[in-house]
Amino acid sequence: MKKKLFASKIVEWYEENKRTLPWRQTKDPYKIWLSEIILQQTRVAQGLPYYQQFVKTFPMVFDLAKAPQQEVLRLWQGLGYYSRARNLHECAKSIVDNFNGKFPDTFEELKKLKGIGSYTAAAISSFAFKEPVAVVDGNVFRVLARIFGIEKDISSPEGKRFFFKQANELISIEAPDLFNQAMMEFGALHCLPQNPKCEDCIFAKTCIANINGLQKELPIKSKKLKVRRRYLFYFLIQHKDQLLMKERGGNDIWQGLYDFYLMESKKPQKVESMLKENILKNYQIETRSKPIKHILSHQQLIAKFFHVEIKSKKEFLKFAQANQLKAHSKEEIDRLPKPILIEKYLKSF
C-alpha cells in the first residue's frame, strides 16, 4: 500500500469516527501535555475527570508551577504511577523558570524536559506545532504490526526503533496532528487487542494479520512483567480524635503520599506473629479488616487494616516519635495525598 494512500485512509476514518475529547479542541501545548501525562497508563474514561479538574485548578502552567507538591499529589490521587505527578510538577517549574512559561516547539527540545519521553514529545510537537514526528504507543504498535505484518518484538530496543521509523515514513507531512490522532484512535476503537473489528475494517483486504489470521499473534511482545505479591499490615493508631501517619519518601512508588504505620511480609501471616517483637502487642486490636486486594502493574498488594487505640497521650507521642510518625486529625487526613488503597479503606472505615 502506498504511504499517502494509507495516511489519507486512516485520517478519513478518524474524521468520521473520532471521539469528542477536550484536549482535541485546543492547540495549547500546556493542555495537550497535561492530557498526555494523565493518559499514560490510564483509560480515557478514567483520565477525563482528572484532566478537567487539573485544568480547572491550574488553568495555566504558571499556576501548576507555583502549587505545593502536596496539592498536586492530592489532585492526582487515584491515577497511580505517582512519579508522573512529581515529574509533571517539576516540568512545569522548569518551563516557567527556563522558558518563561512557553513550551519548546520541537520534538528534540521537548524530550529534554523532565518526564517527557519520545511519545509525549511527539504528541505535543505534532498536535500543538504540527511537527511531522510520529507518536508511537501501544495502539500504534498494534495497528502497524497487524496491517504490515511486522514481526519485530515491540518490547526490544530494535523493535521500538523499527516501528518509530516505519511510523515516520507513513506520517502525513501536511496533517501530522490528524495522522497521529487517527493512528491512536484506530487502535483504541477498531484494531482492538482482543476481538478487533476486522469484518468492517478499511484495511481488511490488505491487512497481513487479517489475511493470514495473525490477529492474536501480532504484535509480538516477549517481555512479561513478573508480578510480585506483598502482604501489608496497616495499623491505625489512635489517641482521641488523632491518628498517626507517615509521609513516604526515598524512591518509593508512593513517595510524597501518606499512609499509616506499616509492617510487611512476603507471605501470609497472622497479625500476632507480626507483632511478636513489637510494642503494639501490648495493646488491644479494636477492629480488623478483611484482606483487601490492590493490583498494580507489577505488584499485587494484599492489605489488612488494624485499629489500635493508645489512651495514654505520652505513650502515643512516644510511639510516634520512635517511628517517625505524626499525629493528624481526621480533617487533616482527608486533605493529605494518600495511596488510593488507603483512601478507599478510610471511606469505608
Protein backbone atom coordinates (compact mmCIF):
# COMPACT_ATOMS: atom_id res chain seq x y z
CA MET A 1 0.00 0.00 0.00
CA LYS A 2 1.28 3.44 -0.93
CA LYS A 3 2.22 5.65 2.02
CA LYS A 4 0.00 8.57 1.03
CA LEU A 5 -2.97 6.26 0.50
CA PHE A 6 -2.51 4.73 3.96
CA ALA A 7 -2.32 8.17 5.61
CA SER A 8 -5.35 9.54 3.78
CA LYS A 9 -7.46 6.44 4.52
CA ILE A 10 -6.77 6.42 8.25
CA VAL A 11 -7.27 10.19 8.58
CA GLU A 12 -10.58 9.88 6.71
CA TRP A 13 -11.64 7.11 9.10
CA TYR A 14 -10.66 9.31 12.05
CA GLU A 15 -12.70 12.27 10.85
CA GLU A 16 -15.78 10.05 10.69
CA ASN A 17 -15.28 8.06 13.92
CA LYS A 18 -13.29 10.18 16.39
CA ARG A 19 -14.44 10.79 19.93
CA THR A 20 -15.03 14.37 21.00
CA LEU A 21 -12.43 15.00 23.70
CA PRO A 22 -11.45 18.38 25.22
CA TRP A 23 -7.71 18.13 24.51
CA ARG A 24 -8.53 17.67 20.83
CA GLN A 25 -10.24 21.06 20.76
CA THR A 26 -7.07 23.01 21.57
CA LYS A 27 -3.61 23.77 20.24
CA ASP A 28 -2.41 24.86 23.69
CA PRO A 29 0.73 22.77 24.38
CA TYR A 30 0.11 23.01 28.14
CA LYS A 31 -3.30 21.32 27.92
CA ILE A 32 -2.07 18.78 25.38
CA TRP A 33 0.87 17.96 27.68
CA LEU A 34 -1.46 17.59 30.69
CA SER A 35 -3.72 15.19 28.79
CA GLU A 36 -0.83 13.07 27.55
CA ILE A 37 0.75 12.68 31.00
CA ILE A 38 -2.61 11.85 32.60
CA LEU A 39 -3.50 9.31 29.91
CA GLN A 40 -0.25 7.36 30.25
CA GLN A 41 -1.26 4.00 31.75
CA THR A 42 -4.80 5.36 32.13
CA ARG A 43 -8.01 4.83 30.14
CA VAL A 44 -9.71 7.91 28.66
CA ALA A 45 -12.87 7.41 30.74
CA GLN A 46 -10.83 7.39 33.95
CA GLY A 47 -8.45 10.18 32.95
CA LEU A 48 -11.03 12.68 31.64
CA PRO A 49 -12.32 13.92 35.03
CA TYR A 50 -8.72 14.28 36.27
CA TYR A 51 -7.83 16.33 33.20
CA GLN A 52 -10.86 18.57 33.73
CA GLN A 53 -10.01 19.08 37.40
CA PHE A 54 -6.36 19.89 36.66
CA VAL A 55 -7.32 22.44 34.01
CA LYS A 56 -9.85 24.00 36.39
CA THR A 57 -7.40 24.13 39.33
CA PHE A 58 -4.31 25.03 37.28
CA PRO A 59 -5.55 26.82 34.12
CA MET A 60 -2.01 27.83 33.11
CA VAL A 61 1.43 26.28 33.53
CA PHE A 62 2.30 29.14 35.91
CA ASP A 63 -0.48 28.01 38.28
CA LEU A 64 0.78 24.43 38.31
CA ALA A 65 4.40 25.52 38.79
CA LYS A 66 3.69 27.58 41.92
CA ALA A 67 1.39 24.99 43.55
CA PRO A 68 2.69 22.96 46.54
CA GLN A 69 3.62 19.41 45.54
CA GLN A 70 1.22 18.08 48.16
CA GLU A 71 -1.70 19.77 46.36
CA VAL A 72 -0.63 18.28 43.03
CA LEU A 73 -0.36 14.78 44.52
CA ARG A 74 -3.75 15.14 46.22
CA LEU A 75 -5.36 16.06 42.90
CA TRP A 76 -3.56 13.12 41.23
CA GLN A 77 -4.77 10.67 43.89
CA GLY A 78 -6.26 7.55 42.32
CA LEU A 79 -4.38 7.73 39.00
CA GLY A 80 -1.40 5.74 40.25
CA TYR A 81 2.18 5.89 38.94
CA TYR A 82 2.75 8.94 41.15
CA SER A 83 6.16 9.65 39.66
CA ARG A 84 4.16 11.09 36.74
CA ALA A 85 2.65 13.71 39.06
CA ARG A 86 6.01 14.60 40.60
CA ASN A 87 7.62 14.89 37.15
CA LEU A 88 4.64 16.93 35.94
CA HIS A 89 5.18 19.42 38.75
CA GLU A 90 8.95 19.62 38.21
CA CYS A 91 8.50 20.04 34.46
CA ALA A 92 6.01 22.89 34.97
CA LYS A 93 8.51 24.69 37.20
CA SER A 94 11.25 24.18 34.61
CA ILE A 95 9.09 25.58 31.79
CA VAL A 96 8.28 28.67 33.89
CA ASP A 97 11.84 29.19 35.14
CA ASN A 98 13.74 28.42 31.93
CA PHE A 99 11.28 29.19 29.12
CA ASN A 100 9.11 31.96 30.60
CA GLY A 101 6.13 29.63 30.59
CA LYS A 102 6.34 28.80 26.87
CA PHE A 103 6.78 25.19 25.78
CA PRO A 104 9.61 24.38 23.36
CA ASP A 105 8.10 23.78 19.91
CA THR A 106 10.29 20.92 18.65
CA PHE A 107 10.41 17.20 19.37
CA GLU A 108 14.11 17.23 20.30
CA GLU A 109 13.81 20.17 22.72
CA LEU A 110 10.68 18.77 24.37
CA LYS A 111 12.46 15.46 25.05
CA LYS A 112 14.95 17.29 27.28
CA LEU A 113 12.22 18.19 29.78
CA LYS A 114 11.54 16.20 32.95
CA GLY A 115 9.10 13.34 32.43
CA ILE A 116 8.73 13.89 28.68
CA GLY A 117 9.86 10.95 26.58
CA SER A 118 9.69 10.36 22.83
CA TYR A 119 5.98 9.54 22.84
CA THR A 120 4.86 12.65 24.75
CA ALA A 121 7.29 14.91 22.89
CA ALA A 122 5.92 13.68 19.56
CA ALA A 123 2.35 14.22 20.73
CA ILE A 124 2.98 17.81 21.86
CA SER A 125 5.11 18.79 18.87
CA SER A 126 2.68 17.33 16.31
CA PHE A 127 -0.63 18.34 17.96
CA ALA A 128 0.40 21.84 19.05
CA PHE A 129 3.04 22.77 16.47
CA LYS A 130 2.32 20.41 13.52
CA GLU A 131 5.83 18.97 13.52
CA PRO A 132 5.76 15.73 11.46
CA VAL A 133 7.01 13.32 14.14
CA ALA A 134 5.11 10.07 14.71
CA VAL A 135 3.53 9.18 18.03
CA VAL A 136 4.11 5.50 18.78
CA ASP A 137 2.17 3.98 21.68
CA GLY A 138 0.61 0.56 22.28
CA ASN A 139 -2.22 1.31 19.89
CA VAL A 140 0.15 2.33 17.10
CA PHE A 141 2.38 -0.72 17.64
CA ARG A 142 -0.69 -2.93 17.22
CA VAL A 143 -2.03 -1.18 14.11
CA LEU A 144 1.32 -1.20 12.31
CA ALA A 145 2.24 -4.76 13.33
CA ARG A 146 -1.05 -6.19 12.09
CA ILE A 147 -1.57 -4.19 8.89
CA PHE A 148 2.03 -4.56 7.66
CA GLY A 149 2.77 -7.95 9.26
CA ILE A 150 5.71 -6.68 11.29
CA GLU A 151 7.21 -9.44 13.46
CA LYS A 152 9.65 -7.29 15.42
CA ASP A 153 9.44 -7.51 19.22
CA ILE A 154 7.82 -4.26 20.40
CA SER A 155 9.50 -4.58 23.82
CA SER A 156 13.02 -4.66 22.35
CA PRO A 157 15.06 -1.51 21.58
CA GLU A 158 15.49 -2.70 17.98
CA GLY A 159 11.76 -3.26 17.62
CA LYS A 160 10.89 0.16 19.02
CA ARG A 161 13.33 1.85 16.64
CA PHE A 162 11.90 -0.08 13.69
CA PHE A 163 8.28 0.86 14.49
CA PHE A 164 9.22 4.51 15.06
CA LYS A 165 10.97 4.59 11.68
CA GLN A 166 8.03 2.90 9.98
CA ALA A 167 5.50 5.31 11.51
CA ASN A 168 7.59 8.31 10.48
CA GLU A 169 7.72 7.04 6.90
CA LEU A 170 3.92 6.89 6.83
CA ILE A 171 3.07 10.13 8.63
CA SER A 172 1.25 12.86 6.74
CA ILE A 173 3.54 15.88 6.33
CA GLU A 174 0.53 18.15 5.74
CA ALA A 175 -1.52 16.93 8.72
CA PRO A 176 0.78 15.14 11.21
CA ASP A 177 -1.57 16.01 14.08
CA LEU A 178 -4.55 14.31 12.45
CA PHE A 179 -2.45 11.31 11.37
CA ASN A 180 -1.15 10.71 14.90
CA GLN A 181 -4.60 11.09 16.44
CA ALA A 182 -6.01 8.77 13.81
CA MET A 183 -3.45 6.03 14.45
CA MET A 184 -4.07 6.05 18.19
CA GLU A 185 -7.86 6.26 17.80
CA PHE A 186 -7.94 3.44 15.27
CA GLY A 187 -6.09 1.20 17.71
CA ALA A 188 -8.25 2.28 20.65
CA LEU A 189 -11.64 1.87 18.93
CA HIS A 190 -11.21 -0.50 15.99
CA CYS A 191 -7.98 -2.53 15.92
CA LEU A 192 -8.55 -3.75 19.48
CA PRO A 193 -6.17 -6.00 21.44
CA GLN A 194 -8.94 -8.62 21.72
CA ASN A 195 -11.67 -9.09 19.13
CA PRO A 196 -10.56 -6.46 16.58
CA LYS A 197 -13.31 -5.34 14.18
CA CYS A 198 -11.76 -6.92 11.11
CA GLU A 199 -15.01 -7.59 9.21
CA ASP A 200 -15.74 -3.91 8.61
CA CYS A 201 -12.15 -2.65 8.60
CA ILE A 202 -10.96 -0.19 5.95
CA PHE A 203 -7.74 -2.24 5.66
CA ALA A 204 -9.41 -5.69 5.66
CA LYS A 205 -8.25 -6.61 2.14
CA THR A 206 -4.63 -5.53 2.64
CA CYS A 207 -4.00 -6.22 6.36
CA ILE A 208 -1.44 -9.02 6.69
CA ALA A 209 -2.80 -10.15 10.06
CA ASN A 210 -6.38 -10.34 8.75
CA ILE A 211 -5.41 -12.20 5.57
CA ASN A 212 -3.34 -14.76 7.49
CA GLY A 213 -5.30 -14.98 10.75
CA LEU A 214 -2.48 -13.50 12.83
CA GLN A 215 -4.50 -11.04 14.92
CA LYS A 216 -3.72 -12.88 18.16
CA GLU A 217 -0.01 -13.29 17.32
CA LEU A 218 0.68 -9.66 16.42
CA PRO A 219 2.17 -7.53 17.78
CA ILE A 220 4.95 -9.65 19.29
CA LYS A 221 5.90 -8.78 22.85
CA SER A 222 8.29 -11.17 24.60
CA LYS A 223 8.95 -9.31 27.84
CA LYS A 224 6.49 -10.10 30.60
CA LEU A 225 6.39 -8.40 33.96
CA LYS A 226 6.79 -10.71 36.93
CA VAL A 227 4.07 -9.86 39.42
CA ARG A 228 5.30 -9.67 43.00
CA ARG A 229 2.90 -10.36 45.88
CA ARG A 230 3.21 -8.25 49.05
CA TYR A 231 1.29 -8.60 52.33
CA LEU A 232 0.73 -5.28 54.07
CA PHE A 233 -0.34 -4.86 57.70
CA TYR A 234 -1.53 -1.30 58.33
CA PHE A 235 -2.15 -0.05 61.86
CA LEU A 236 -4.48 2.88 62.52
CA ILE A 237 -3.01 4.04 65.81
CA GLN A 238 -5.40 6.43 67.50
CA HIS A 239 -5.48 8.72 70.51
CA LYS A 240 -8.78 10.53 70.95
CA ASP A 241 -9.50 12.18 67.56
CA GLN A 242 -5.99 11.81 66.14
CA LEU A 243 -4.35 9.14 64.01
CA LEU A 244 -0.68 8.58 63.25
CA MET A 245 0.53 8.81 59.65
CA LYS A 246 3.83 8.98 57.83
CA GLU A 247 4.93 10.58 54.57
CA ARG A 248 6.60 8.04 52.32
CA GLY A 249 9.98 9.08 50.96
CA GLY A 250 13.00 7.80 49.06
CA ASN A 251 12.43 6.23 45.65
CA ASP A 252 9.17 4.68 46.76
CA ILE A 253 6.33 4.44 44.20
CA TRP A 254 4.18 6.33 46.73
CA GLN A 255 6.80 8.98 47.50
CA GLY A 256 5.16 12.09 48.92
CA LEU A 257 1.95 10.24 49.85
CA TYR A 258 0.81 9.47 53.40
CA ASP A 259 -0.03 6.14 54.94
CA PHE A 260 -0.30 4.50 58.37
CA TYR A 261 2.21 2.57 60.43
CA LEU A 262 3.09 -0.39 58.24
CA MET A 263 4.52 -3.87 58.68
CA GLU A 264 5.13 -6.02 55.64
CA SER A 265 5.57 -9.70 54.87
CA LYS A 266 6.42 -11.73 51.77
CA LYS A 267 3.96 -14.45 52.76
CA PRO A 268 0.58 -14.66 54.52
CA GLN A 269 0.86 -14.38 58.30
CA LYS A 270 -1.29 -13.80 61.35
CA VAL A 271 -1.02 -10.32 62.81
CA GLU A 272 0.01 -11.82 66.16
CA SER A 273 3.11 -13.30 64.52
CA MET A 274 3.99 -9.93 63.02
CA LEU A 275 3.71 -8.24 66.42
CA LYS A 276 5.82 -10.68 68.47
CA GLU A 277 8.70 -8.24 68.91
CA ASN A 278 6.66 -5.05 68.56
CA ILE A 279 5.39 -2.81 71.36
CA LEU A 280 1.95 -2.85 69.75
CA LYS A 281 1.48 -6.38 71.06
CA ASN A 282 0.72 -4.75 74.43
CA TYR A 283 -2.36 -3.01 73.05
CA GLN A 284 -5.69 -4.46 72.10
CA ILE A 285 -6.67 -4.54 68.44
CA GLU A 286 -10.10 -2.89 68.41
CA THR A 287 -11.08 -3.77 64.83
CA ARG A 288 -9.51 -5.59 61.92
CA SER A 289 -10.42 -5.57 58.26
CA LYS A 290 -10.79 -8.41 55.83
CA PRO A 291 -7.95 -8.71 53.28
CA ILE A 292 -8.15 -6.02 50.63
CA LYS A 293 -6.50 -6.67 47.26
CA HIS A 294 -4.96 -3.86 45.25
CA ILE A 295 -3.48 -4.62 41.83
CA LEU A 296 -0.59 -2.63 40.37
CA SER A 297 1.10 -3.34 37.03
CA HIS A 298 3.91 -5.31 38.66
CA GLN A 299 2.65 -5.94 42.18
CA GLN A 300 -0.31 -7.50 43.92
CA LEU A 301 -0.90 -5.96 47.33
CA ILE A 302 -2.92 -7.80 49.96
CA ALA A 303 -3.60 -5.36 52.77
CA LYS A 304 -5.21 -5.68 56.19
CA PHE A 305 -6.05 -2.76 58.46
CA PHE A 306 -5.95 -2.93 62.26
CA HIS A 307 -7.32 -0.29 64.60
CA VAL A 308 -5.31 0.21 67.82
CA GLU A 309 -6.16 2.82 70.45
CA ILE A 310 -3.48 4.19 72.76
CA LYS A 311 -5.21 6.01 75.60
CA SER A 312 -2.07 7.50 77.13
CA LYS A 313 -1.03 10.64 75.25
CA LYS A 314 2.55 10.20 76.47
CA GLU A 315 2.79 6.67 75.06
CA PHE A 316 1.04 7.77 71.86
CA LEU A 317 3.58 10.55 71.24
CA LYS A 318 6.48 8.32 72.24
CA PHE A 319 5.43 5.69 69.69
CA ALA A 320 5.01 8.42 67.06
CA GLN A 321 8.49 9.84 67.64
CA ALA A 322 10.15 6.41 67.65
CA ASN A 323 8.60 5.53 64.29
CA GLN A 324 8.78 8.93 62.54
CA LEU A 325 5.00 9.30 62.55
CA LYS A 326 2.94 12.44 63.03
CA ALA A 327 -0.48 12.91 64.62
CA HIS A 328 -3.23 14.22 62.36
CA SER A 329 -6.90 14.96 62.90
CA LYS A 330 -9.39 13.22 60.61
CA GLU A 331 -9.99 16.54 58.81
CA GLU A 332 -6.23 16.90 58.14
CA ILE A 333 -6.01 13.32 56.92
CA ASP A 334 -8.80 13.98 54.44
CA ARG A 335 -6.69 16.74 52.85
CA LEU A 336 -3.45 14.72 52.69
CA PRO A 337 -2.47 12.92 49.46
CA LYS A 338 -2.79 9.17 50.04
CA PRO A 339 -2.48 5.95 48.02
CA ILE A 340 -5.92 5.02 46.68
CA LEU A 341 -5.73 1.83 48.77
CA ILE A 342 -5.68 3.98 51.93
CA GLU A 343 -8.35 6.36 50.60
CA LYS A 344 -10.76 3.56 49.84
CA TYR A 345 -10.31 1.97 53.24
CA LEU A 346 -10.83 5.30 55.05
CA LYS A 347 -14.08 5.89 53.19
CA SER A 348 -15.39 2.51 54.29
CA PHE A 349 -13.96 2.97 57.79
